[in-house]
């Protein structure tokens, strides 16, 4: 079974088009840009606050 999850969001079309422009400018697809941003946010959070452990995720029922 795949560990990948699907995320769906609603977004204004103007900002979404600009986002795709930025993504293409950075040499990424829209999905690739979102994954890059998510990884960057998590990395910065863990740098500032310490590693997020499985125990932390269990507290919020975020593990399978």
PDB file of N, CA and C in Angstrom:
ATOM      1  N   UNK A   1       0.843  -1.193   0.000  1.00  0.00           N
ATOM      2  CA  UNK A   1       0.000   0.000   0.000  1.00  0.00           C
ATOM      3  C   UNK A   1       0.883   1.250   0.000  1.00  0.00           C
ATOM      4  N   UNK A   2       0.553   2.224  -0.811  1.00  0.00           N
ATOM      5  CA  UNK A   2       1.348   3.433  -0.949  1.00  0.00           C
ATOM      6  C   UNK A   2       1.229   4.321   0.287  1.00  0.00           C
ATOM      7  N   UNK A   3       2.335   4.972   0.636  1.00  0.00           N
ATOM      8  CA  UNK A   3       2.332   5.915   1.745  1.00  0.00           C
ATOM      9  C   UNK A   3       1.901   7.303   1.277  1.00  0.00           C
ATOM     10  N   UNK A   4       1.761   7.495  -0.018  1.00  0.00           N
ATOM     11  CA  UNK A   4       1.411   8.806  -0.529  1.00  0.00           C
ATOM     12  C   UNK A   4      -0.047   9.123  -0.243  1.00  0.00           C
ATOM     13  N   UNK A   5      -0.305  10.374   0.111  1.00  0.00           N
ATOM     14  CA  UNK A   5      -1.652  10.866   0.381  1.00  0.00           C
ATOM     15  C   UNK A   5      -2.034  11.898  -0.668  1.00  0.00           C
ATOM     16  N   UNK A   6      -3.307  12.075  -0.863  1.00  0.00           N
ATOM     17  CA  UNK A   6      -3.831  13.079  -1.783  1.00  0.00           C
ATOM     18  C   UNK A   6      -4.347  14.254  -0.969  1.00  0.00           C
ATOM     19  N   UNK A   7      -4.010  15.471  -1.401  1.00  0.00           N
ATOM     20  CA  UNK A   7      -4.480  16.685  -0.740  1.00  0.00           C
ATOM     21  C   UNK A   7      -5.204  17.531  -1.779  1.00  0.00           C
ATOM     22  N   UNK A   8      -6.374  18.007  -1.423  1.00  0.00           N
ATOM     23  CA  UNK A   8      -7.150  18.850  -2.320  1.00  0.00           C
ATOM     24  C   UNK A   8      -7.420  20.178  -1.619  1.00  0.00           C
ATOM     25  N   UNK A   9      -7.215  21.285  -2.338  1.00  0.00           N
ATOM     26  CA  UNK A   9      -7.488  22.607  -1.766  1.00  0.00           C
ATOM     27  C   UNK A   9      -8.301  23.431  -2.759  1.00  0.00           C
ATOM     28  N   UNK A  10      -8.967  24.420  -2.223  1.00  0.00           N
ATOM     29  CA  UNK A  10      -9.682  25.389  -3.062  1.00  0.00           C
ATOM     30  C   UNK A  10      -8.843  26.653  -3.098  1.00  0.00           C
ATOM     31  N   UNK A  11      -8.748  27.239  -4.284  1.00  0.00           N
ATOM     32  CA  UNK A  11      -7.885  28.399  -4.442  1.00  0.00           C
ATOM     33  C   UNK A  11      -8.446  29.307  -5.528  1.00  0.00           C
ATOM     34  N   UNK A  12      -8.286  30.596  -5.333  1.00  0.00           N
ATOM     35  CA  UNK A  12      -8.682  31.581  -6.329  1.00  0.00           C
ATOM     36  C   UNK A  12      -7.885  31.341  -7.616  1.00  0.00           C
ATOM     37  N   UNK A  13      -8.540  31.408  -8.755  1.00  0.00           N
ATOM     38  CA  UNK A  13      -7.879  31.076 -10.027  1.00  0.00           C
ATOM     39  C   UNK A  13      -6.719  32.014 -10.346  1.00  0.00           C
ATOM     40  N   UNK A  14      -6.830  33.289  -9.988  1.00  0.00           N
ATOM     41  CA  UNK A  14      -5.733  34.225 -10.270  1.00  0.00           C
ATOM     42  C   UNK A  14      -4.470  33.852  -9.506  1.00  0.00           C
ATOM     43  N   UNK A  15      -4.603  33.562  -8.223  1.00  0.00           N
ATOM     44  CA  UNK A  15      -3.432  33.205  -7.427  1.00  0.00           C
ATOM     45  C   UNK A  15      -2.902  31.845  -7.853  1.00  0.00           C
ATOM     46  N   UNK A  16      -3.778  30.936  -8.243  1.00  0.00           N
ATOM     47  CA  UNK A  16      -3.336  29.624  -8.707  1.00  0.00           C
ATOM     48  C   UNK A  16      -2.530  29.752  -9.996  1.00  0.00           C
ATOM     49  N   UNK A  17      -2.990  30.586 -10.917  1.00  0.00           N
ATOM     50  CA  UNK A  17      -2.237  30.805 -12.155  1.00  0.00           C
ATOM     51  C   UNK A  17      -0.862  31.403 -11.861  1.00  0.00           C
ATOM     52  N   UNK A  18      -0.803  32.338 -10.929  1.00  0.00           N
ATOM     53  CA  UNK A  18       0.487  32.923 -10.546  1.00  0.00           C
ATOM     54  C   UNK A  18       1.376  31.872  -9.883  1.00  0.00           C
ATOM     55  N   UNK A  19       0.777  31.001  -9.092  1.00  0.00           N
ATOM     56  CA  UNK A  19       1.532  29.927  -8.464  1.00  0.00           C
ATOM     57  C   UNK A  19       2.146  29.018  -9.520  1.00  0.00           C
ATOM     58  N   UNK A  20       1.358  28.647 -10.532  1.00  0.00           N
ATOM     59  CA  UNK A  20       1.876  27.804 -11.617  1.00  0.00           C
ATOM     60  C   UNK A  20       2.986  28.521 -12.382  1.00  0.00           C
ATOM     61  N   UNK A  21       2.874  29.826 -12.533  1.00  0.00           N
ATOM     62  CA  UNK A  21       3.934  30.608 -13.175  1.00  0.00           C
ATOM     63  C   UNK A  21       5.225  30.498 -12.366  1.00  0.00           C
ATOM     64  N   UNK A  22       5.125  30.696 -11.053  1.00  0.00           N
ATOM     65  CA  UNK A  22       6.292  30.588 -10.171  1.00  0.00           C
ATOM     66  C   UNK A  22       6.872  29.178 -10.235  1.00  0.00           C
ATOM     67  N   UNK A  23       5.995  28.182 -10.209  1.00  0.00           N
ATOM     68  CA  UNK A  23       6.441  26.785 -10.284  1.00  0.00           C
ATOM     69  C   UNK A  23       7.256  26.544 -11.546  1.00  0.00           C
ATOM     70  N   UNK A  24       6.713  26.975 -12.677  1.00  0.00           N
ATOM     71  CA  UNK A  24       7.403  26.785 -13.954  1.00  0.00           C
ATOM     72  C   UNK A  24       8.716  27.560 -13.963  1.00  0.00           C
ATOM     73  N   UNK A  25       8.721  28.768 -13.447  1.00  0.00           N
ATOM     74  CA  UNK A  25       9.931  29.580 -13.357  1.00  0.00           C
ATOM     75  C   UNK A  25      11.011  28.842 -12.567  1.00  0.00           C
ATOM     76  N   UNK A  26      10.597  28.132 -11.505  1.00  0.00           N
ATOM     77  CA  UNK A  26      11.523  27.373 -10.666  1.00  0.00           C
ATOM     78  C   UNK A  26      11.840  25.991 -11.233  1.00  0.00           C
ATOM     79  N   UNK A  27      11.296  25.670 -12.407  1.00  0.00           N
ATOM     80  CA  UNK A  27      11.585  24.392 -13.051  1.00  0.00           C
ATOM     81  C   UNK A  27      10.842  23.224 -12.422  1.00  0.00           C
ATOM     82  N   UNK A  28       9.721  23.509 -11.791  1.00  0.00           N
ATOM     83  CA  UNK A  28       8.938  22.460 -11.138  1.00  0.00           C
ATOM     84  C   UNK A  28       7.509  22.461 -11.679  1.00  0.00           C
ATOM     85  N   UNK A  29       6.868  21.309 -11.547  1.00  0.00           N
ATOM     86  CA  UNK A  29       5.431  21.240 -11.804  1.00  0.00           C
ATOM     87  C   UNK A  29       4.730  21.879 -10.599  1.00  0.00           C
ATOM     88  N   UNK A  30       3.447  22.097 -10.713  1.00  0.00           N
ATOM     89  CA  UNK A  30       2.695  22.615  -9.568  1.00  0.00           C
ATOM     90  C   UNK A  30       2.803  21.687  -8.371  1.00  0.00           C
ATOM     91  N   UNK A  31       2.651  20.384  -8.608  1.00  0.00           N
ATOM     92  CA  UNK A  31       2.763  19.403  -7.526  1.00  0.00           C
ATOM     93  C   UNK A  31       4.166  19.390  -6.940  1.00  0.00           C
ATOM     94  N   UNK A  32       5.165  19.465  -7.811  1.00  0.00           N
ATOM     95  CA  UNK A  32       6.546  19.480  -7.340  1.00  0.00           C
ATOM     96  C   UNK A  32       6.837  20.697  -6.488  1.00  0.00           C
ATOM     97  N   UNK A  33       6.276  21.839  -6.856  1.00  0.00           N
ATOM     98  CA  UNK A  33       6.464  23.071  -6.086  1.00  0.00           C
ATOM     99  C   UNK A  33       5.799  22.956  -4.715  1.00  0.00           C
ATOM    100  N   UNK A  34       4.599  22.384  -4.678  1.00  0.00           N
ATOM    101  CA  UNK A  34       3.901  22.200  -3.403  1.00  0.00           C
ATOM    102  C   UNK A  34       4.700  21.266  -2.500  1.00  0.00           C
ATOM    103  N   UNK A  35       5.205  20.150  -3.046  1.00  0.00           N
ATOM    104  CA  UNK A  35       6.009  19.225  -2.243  1.00  0.00           C
ATOM    105  C   UNK A  35       7.277  19.907  -1.723  1.00  0.00           C
ATOM    106  N   UNK A  36       7.913  20.707  -2.569  1.00  0.00           N
ATOM    107  CA  UNK A  36       9.098  21.457  -2.159  1.00  0.00           C
ATOM    108  C   UNK A  36       8.762  22.385  -0.985  1.00  0.00           C
ATOM    109  N   UNK A  37       7.641  23.086  -1.105  1.00  0.00           N
ATOM    110  CA  UNK A  37       7.241  24.028  -0.053  1.00  0.00           C
ATOM    111  C   UNK A  37       6.900  23.304   1.245  1.00  0.00           C
ATOM    112  N   UNK A  38       6.200  22.184   1.151  1.00  0.00           N
ATOM    113  CA  UNK A  38       5.851  21.407   2.347  1.00  0.00           C
ATOM    114  C   UNK A  38       7.117  20.922   3.037  1.00  0.00           C
ATOM    115  N   UNK A  39       8.053  20.357   2.264  1.00  0.00           N
ATOM    116  CA  UNK A  39       9.314  19.880   2.854  1.00  0.00           C
ATOM    117  C   UNK A  39      10.082  21.024   3.508  1.00  0.00           C
ATOM    118  N   UNK A  40      10.093  22.188   2.862  1.00  0.00           N
ATOM    119  CA  UNK A  40      10.801  23.349   3.406  1.00  0.00           C
ATOM    120  C   UNK A  40      10.199  23.801   4.731  1.00  0.00           C
ATOM    121  N   UNK A  41       8.881  23.823   4.808  1.00  0.00           N
ATOM    122  CA  UNK A  41       8.204  24.238   6.040  1.00  0.00           C
ATOM    123  C   UNK A  41       8.497  23.260   7.168  1.00  0.00           C
ATOM    124  N   UNK A  42       8.407  21.959   6.879  1.00  0.00           N
ATOM    125  CA  UNK A  42       8.673  20.942   7.895  1.00  0.00           C
ATOM    126  C   UNK A  42      10.132  21.022   8.344  1.00  0.00           C
ATOM    127  N   UNK A  43      11.046  21.149   7.391  1.00  0.00           N
ATOM    128  CA  UNK A  43      12.471  21.238   7.718  1.00  0.00           C
ATOM    129  C   UNK A  43      12.753  22.437   8.621  1.00  0.00           C
ATOM    130  N   UNK A  44      12.183  23.594   8.279  1.00  0.00           N
ATOM    131  CA  UNK A  44      12.399  24.792   9.094  1.00  0.00           C
ATOM    132  C   UNK A  44      11.772  24.642  10.476  1.00  0.00           C
ATOM    133  N   UNK A  45      10.588  24.053  10.547  1.00  0.00           N
ATOM    134  CA  UNK A  45       9.930  23.830  11.835  1.00  0.00           C
ATOM    135  C   UNK A  45      10.799  22.945  12.725  1.00  0.00           C
ATOM    136  N   UNK A  46      11.308  21.848  12.146  1.00  0.00           N
ATOM    137  CA  UNK A  46      12.133  20.931  12.941  1.00  0.00           C
ATOM    138  C   UNK A  46      13.464  21.578  13.332  1.00  0.00           C
ATOM    139  N   UNK A  47      13.985  22.429  12.488  1.00  0.00           N
ATOM    140  CA  UNK A  47      15.219  23.157  12.821  1.00  0.00           C
ATOM    141  C   UNK A  47      14.974  24.076  14.018  1.00  0.00           C
ATOM    142  N   UNK A  48      13.826  24.735  14.028  1.00  0.00           N
ATOM    143  CA  UNK A  48      13.489  25.686  15.095  1.00  0.00           C
ATOM    144  C   UNK A  48      12.982  25.012  16.365  1.00  0.00           C
ATOM    145  N   UNK A  49      12.287  23.875  16.227  1.00  0.00           N
ATOM    146  CA  UNK A  49      11.562  23.285  17.356  1.00  0.00           C
ATOM    147  C   UNK A  49      11.967  21.865  17.714  1.00  0.00           C
ATOM    148  N   UNK A  50      12.862  21.268  16.951  1.00  0.00           N
ATOM    149  CA  UNK A  50      13.244  19.877  17.181  1.00  0.00           C
ATOM    150  C   UNK A  50      12.466  18.945  16.275  1.00  0.00           C
ATOM    151  N   UNK A  51      13.025  17.753  16.108  1.00  0.00           N
ATOM    152  CA  UNK A  51      12.444  16.748  15.216  1.00  0.00           C
ATOM    153  C   UNK A  51      11.033  16.357  15.660  1.00  0.00           C
ATOM    154  N   UNK A  52      10.143  16.222  14.708  1.00  0.00           N
ATOM    155  CA  UNK A  52       8.793  15.727  14.971  1.00  0.00           C
ATOM    156  C   UNK A  52       8.888  14.204  15.021  1.00  0.00           C
ATOM    157  N   UNK A  53       8.515  13.623  16.127  1.00  0.00           N
ATOM    158  CA  UNK A  53       8.638  12.170  16.313  1.00  0.00           C
ATOM    159  C   UNK A  53       7.310  11.472  16.028  1.00  0.00           C
ATOM    160  N   UNK A  54       7.368  10.154  15.933  1.00  0.00           N
ATOM    161  CA  UNK A  54       6.142   9.371  15.775  1.00  0.00           C
ATOM    162  C   UNK A  54       5.232   9.565  16.984  1.00  0.00           C
ATOM    163  N   UNK A  55       5.826   9.746  18.154  1.00  0.00           N
ATOM    164  CA  UNK A  55       5.021   9.997  19.357  1.00  0.00           C
ATOM    165  C   UNK A  55       4.250  11.310  19.218  1.00  0.00           C
ATOM    166  N   UNK A  56       4.900  12.340  18.673  1.00  0.00           N
ATOM    167  CA  UNK A  56       4.222  13.618  18.428  1.00  0.00           C
ATOM    168  C   UNK A  56       3.036  13.428  17.500  1.00  0.00           C
ATOM    169  N   UNK A  57       3.226  12.631  16.443  1.00  0.00           N
ATOM    170  CA  UNK A  57       2.160  12.399  15.466  1.00  0.00           C
ATOM    171  C   UNK A  57       1.019  11.601  16.098  1.00  0.00           C
ATOM    172  N   UNK A  58       1.354  10.641  16.932  1.00  0.00           N
ATOM    173  CA  UNK A  58       0.322   9.835  17.600  1.00  0.00           C
ATOM    174  C   UNK A  58      -0.557  10.696  18.483  1.00  0.00           C
ATOM    175  N   UNK A  59       0.037  11.706  19.130  1.00  0.00           N
ATOM    176  CA  UNK A  59      -0.747  12.598  20.001  1.00  0.00           C
ATOM    177  C   UNK A  59      -1.870  13.279  19.234  1.00  0.00           C
ATOM    178  N   UNK A  60      -1.648  13.517  17.954  1.00  0.00           N
ATOM    179  CA  UNK A  60      -2.663  14.170  17.112  1.00  0.00           C
ATOM    180  C   UNK A  60      -3.390  13.181  16.214  1.00  0.00           C
ATOM    181  N   UNK A  61      -3.196  11.890  16.469  1.00  0.00           N
ATOM    182  CA  UNK A  61      -3.804  10.828  15.657  1.00  0.00           C
ATOM    183  C   UNK A  61      -3.426  10.965  14.177  1.00  0.00           C
ATOM    184  N   UNK A  62      -2.139  11.263  13.909  1.00  0.00           N
ATOM    185  CA  UNK A  62      -1.689  11.459  12.551  1.00  0.00           C
ATOM    186  C   UNK A  62      -0.875  10.283  12.014  1.00  0.00           C
ATOM    187  N   UNK A  63      -0.890   9.162  12.717  1.00  0.00           N
ATOM    188  CA  UNK A  63      -0.208   7.971  12.220  1.00  0.00           C
ATOM    189  C   UNK A  63      -1.231   6.931  11.856  1.00  0.00           C
ATOM    190  N   UNK A  64      -0.795   5.978  11.030  1.00  0.00           N
ATOM    191  CA  UNK A  64      -1.720   4.928  10.600  1.00  0.00           C
ATOM    192  C   UNK A  64      -1.599   3.736  11.488  1.00  0.00           C
TER     193      UNK A  64
END
